[in-house]
Structures are given as structure tokens and as C-alpha cells.
Amino acid sequence: MPMMQAIALKQDDKVRKIVTRIELTKKIGNRSGWA
């Protein structure tokens, strides 16, 4: 069970990083005017 939780947390962290990158890209795009 702890192993599964660790994997789930790792996946969650990966998703969060991807979402953060997308959000940053959107912000930069809006600032540049091409989004």
C-alpha cells in the first residue's frame, strides 16, 4: 500500500509540473499577445 501511494504521489507531482508549465506558457503568451 505505501508503495502504491508513493507512485500515486510521484504521478501527481508530474501532472502538477506539467500544469504549472502550461499555466506559465499561457501567462507568457498573453503577455506577448500570441495566446
PDB file of N, CA and C in Angstrom:
ATOM      1  N   MET A   1       0.822  -1.216   0.000  1.00  0.00           N
ATOM      2  CA  MET A   1       0.000   0.000   0.000  1.00  0.00           C
ATOM      3  C   MET A   1       0.859   1.272   0.000  1.00  0.00           C
ATOM      4  N   PRO A   2       1.846   1.405   0.882  1.00  0.00           N
ATOM      5  CA  PRO A   2       2.682   2.613   0.842  1.00  0.00           C
ATOM      6  C   PRO A   2       3.360   2.800  -0.515  1.00  0.00           C
ATOM      7  N   MET A   3       3.736   1.669  -1.152  1.00  0.00           N
ATOM      8  CA  MET A   3       4.368   1.733  -2.467  1.00  0.00           C
ATOM      9  C   MET A   3       3.421   2.374  -3.476  1.00  0.00           C
ATOM     10  N   MET A   4       2.171   1.937  -3.460  1.00  0.00           N
ATOM     11  CA  MET A   4       1.176   2.493  -4.378  1.00  0.00           C
ATOM     12  C   MET A   4       0.987   3.988  -4.126  1.00  0.00           C
ATOM     13  N   GLN A   5       0.968   4.366  -2.853  1.00  0.00           N
ATOM     14  CA  GLN A   5       0.806   5.784  -2.517  1.00  0.00           C
ATOM     15  C   GLN A   5       1.987   6.596  -3.031  1.00  0.00           C
ATOM     16  N   ALA A   6       3.189   6.023  -2.924  1.00  0.00           N
ATOM     17  CA  ALA A   6       4.382   6.720  -3.397  1.00  0.00           C
ATOM     18  C   ALA A   6       4.309   6.935  -4.901  1.00  0.00           C
ATOM     19  N   ILE A   7       3.868   5.904  -5.628  1.00  0.00           N
ATOM     20  CA  ILE A   7       3.731   6.015  -7.084  1.00  0.00           C
ATOM     21  C   ILE A   7       2.678   7.073  -7.423  1.00  0.00           C
ATOM     22  N   ALA A   8       1.560   7.033  -6.696  1.00  0.00           N
ATOM     23  CA  ALA A   8       0.490   7.998  -6.941  1.00  0.00           C
ATOM     24  C   ALA A   8       0.986   9.423  -6.706  1.00  0.00           C
ATOM     25  N   LEU A   9       1.753   9.618  -5.641  1.00  0.00           N
ATOM     26  CA  LEU A   9       2.292  10.946  -5.344  1.00  0.00           C
ATOM     27  C   LEU A   9       3.243  11.395  -6.441  1.00  0.00           C
ATOM     28  N   LYS A  10       4.060  10.464  -6.935  1.00  0.00           N
ATOM     29  CA  LYS A  10       5.012  10.795  -7.992  1.00  0.00           C
ATOM     30  C   LYS A  10       4.263  11.233  -9.251  1.00  0.00           C
ATOM     31  N   GLN A  11       3.210  10.483  -9.601  1.00  0.00           N
ATOM     32  CA  GLN A  11       2.398  10.819 -10.768  1.00  0.00           C
ATOM     33  C   GLN A  11       1.759  12.194 -10.578  1.00  0.00           C
ATOM     34  N   ASP A  12       1.236  12.436  -9.376  1.00  0.00           N
ATOM     35  CA  ASP A  12       0.582  13.695  -9.060  1.00  0.00           C
ATOM     36  C   ASP A  12       1.556  14.855  -9.233  1.00  0.00           C
ATOM     37  N   ASP A  13       2.795  14.662  -8.786  1.00  0.00           N
ATOM     38  CA  ASP A  13       3.823  15.688  -8.889  1.00  0.00           C
ATOM     39  C   ASP A  13       4.133  15.973 -10.354  1.00  0.00           C
ATOM     40  N   LYS A  14       4.181  14.906 -11.166  1.00  0.00           N
ATOM     41  CA  LYS A  14       4.461  15.063 -12.590  1.00  0.00           C
ATOM     42  C   LYS A  14       3.366  15.894 -13.248  1.00  0.00           C
ATOM     43  N   VAL A  15       2.118  15.541 -12.933  1.00  0.00           N
ATOM     44  CA  VAL A  15       0.971  16.262 -13.500  1.00  0.00           C
ATOM     45  C   VAL A  15       1.009  17.725 -13.078  1.00  0.00           C
ATOM     46  N   ARG A  16       1.316  17.958 -11.802  1.00  0.00           N
ATOM     47  CA  ARG A  16       1.350  19.334 -11.296  1.00  0.00           C
ATOM     48  C   ARG A  16       2.404  20.147 -12.039  1.00  0.00           C
ATOM     49  N   LYS A  17       3.572  19.540 -12.289  1.00  0.00           N
ATOM     50  CA  LYS A  17       4.643  20.244 -13.006  1.00  0.00           C
ATOM     51  C   LYS A  17       4.204  20.583 -14.428  1.00  0.00           C
ATOM     52  N   ILE A  18       3.532  19.632 -15.083  1.00  0.00           N
ATOM     53  CA  ILE A  18       3.056  19.870 -16.447  1.00  0.00           C
ATOM     54  C   ILE A  18       2.039  21.006 -16.450  1.00  0.00           C
ATOM     55  N   VAL A  19       1.102  20.970 -15.499  1.00  0.00           N
ATOM     56  CA  VAL A  19       0.073  22.011 -15.415  1.00  0.00           C
ATOM     57  C   VAL A  19       0.724  23.369 -15.169  1.00  0.00           C
ATOM     58  N   THR A  20       1.706  23.404 -14.270  1.00  0.00           N
ATOM     59  CA  THR A  20       2.398  24.659 -13.970  1.00  0.00           C
ATOM     60  C   THR A  20       3.072  25.199 -15.224  1.00  0.00           C
ATOM     61  N   ARG A  21       3.703  24.306 -15.990  1.00  0.00           N
ATOM     62  CA  ARG A  21       4.387  24.725 -17.213  1.00  0.00           C
ATOM     63  C   ARG A  21       3.382  25.292 -18.210  1.00  0.00           C
ATOM     64  N   ILE A  22       2.222  24.638 -18.331  1.00  0.00           N
ATOM     65  CA  ILE A  22       1.184  25.114 -19.248  1.00  0.00           C
ATOM     66  C   ILE A  22       0.691  26.487 -18.800  1.00  0.00           C
ATOM     67  N   GLU A  23       0.451  26.639 -17.507  1.00  0.00           N
ATOM     68  CA  GLU A  23      -0.021  27.921 -16.975  1.00  0.00           C
ATOM     69  C   GLU A  23       0.994  29.029 -17.237  1.00  0.00           C
ATOM     70  N   LEU A  24       2.283  28.734 -17.021  1.00  0.00           N
ATOM     71  CA  LEU A  24       3.327  29.726 -17.271  1.00  0.00           C
ATOM     72  C   LEU A  24       3.370  30.090 -18.747  1.00  0.00           C
ATOM     73  N   THR A  25       3.246  29.091 -19.611  1.00  0.00           N
ATOM     74  CA  THR A  25       3.258  29.333 -21.057  1.00  0.00           C
ATOM     75  C   THR A  25       2.097  30.234 -21.446  1.00  0.00           C
ATOM     76  N   LYS A  26       0.923  29.982 -20.857  1.00  0.00           N
ATOM     77  CA  LYS A  26      -0.253  30.809 -21.144  1.00  0.00           C
ATOM     78  C   LYS A  26      -0.008  32.247 -20.716  1.00  0.00           C
ATOM     79  N   LYS A  27       0.552  32.424 -19.509  1.00  0.00           N
ATOM     80  CA  LYS A  27       0.811  33.773 -18.997  1.00  0.00           C
ATOM     81  C   LYS A  27       1.782  34.511 -19.905  1.00  0.00           C
ATOM     82  N   ILE A  28       2.869  33.823 -20.286  1.00  0.00           N
ATOM     83  CA  ILE A  28       3.870  34.435 -21.159  1.00  0.00           C
ATOM     84  C   ILE A  28       3.225  34.765 -22.507  1.00  0.00           C
ATOM     85  N   GLY A  29       2.401  33.838 -23.013  1.00  0.00           N
ATOM     86  CA  GLY A  29       1.721  34.042 -24.294  1.00  0.00           C
ATOM     87  C   GLY A  29       0.799  35.248 -24.244  1.00  0.00           C
ATOM     88  N   ASN A  30       0.045  35.374 -23.157  1.00  0.00           N
ATOM     89  CA  ASN A  30      -0.865  36.501 -23.018  1.00  0.00           C
ATOM     90  C   ASN A  30      -0.092  37.812 -22.975  1.00  0.00           C
ATOM     91  N   ARG A  31       1.043  37.794 -22.293  1.00  0.00           N
ATOM     92  CA  ARG A  31       1.864  38.991 -22.172  1.00  0.00           C
ATOM     93  C   ARG A  31       2.433  39.374 -23.538  1.00  0.00           C
ATOM     94  N   SER A  32       2.814  38.349 -24.327  1.00  0.00           N
ATOM     95  CA  SER A  32       3.390  38.607 -25.647  1.00  0.00           C
ATOM     96  C   SER A  32       2.302  38.968 -26.652  1.00  0.00           C
ATOM     97  N   GLY A  33       1.083  38.481 -26.404  1.00  0.00           N
ATOM     98  CA  GLY A  33      -0.037  38.793 -27.277  1.00  0.00           C
ATOM     99  C   GLY A  33      -0.284  37.751 -28.350  1.00  0.00           C
ATOM    100  N   TRP A  34       0.277  36.527 -28.200  1.00  0.00           N
ATOM    101  CA  TRP A  34       0.018  35.491 -29.210  1.00  0.00           C
ATOM    102  C   TRP A  34      -0.809  34.348 -28.679  1.00  0.00           C
ATOM    103  N   ALA A  35      -1.467  34.548 -27.515  1.00  0.00           N
ATOM    104  CA  ALA A  35      -2.285  33.458 -26.975  1.00  0.00           C
ATOM    105  C   ALA A  35      -3.766  33.827 -27.092  1.00  0.00           C
TER     106      ALA A  35
END
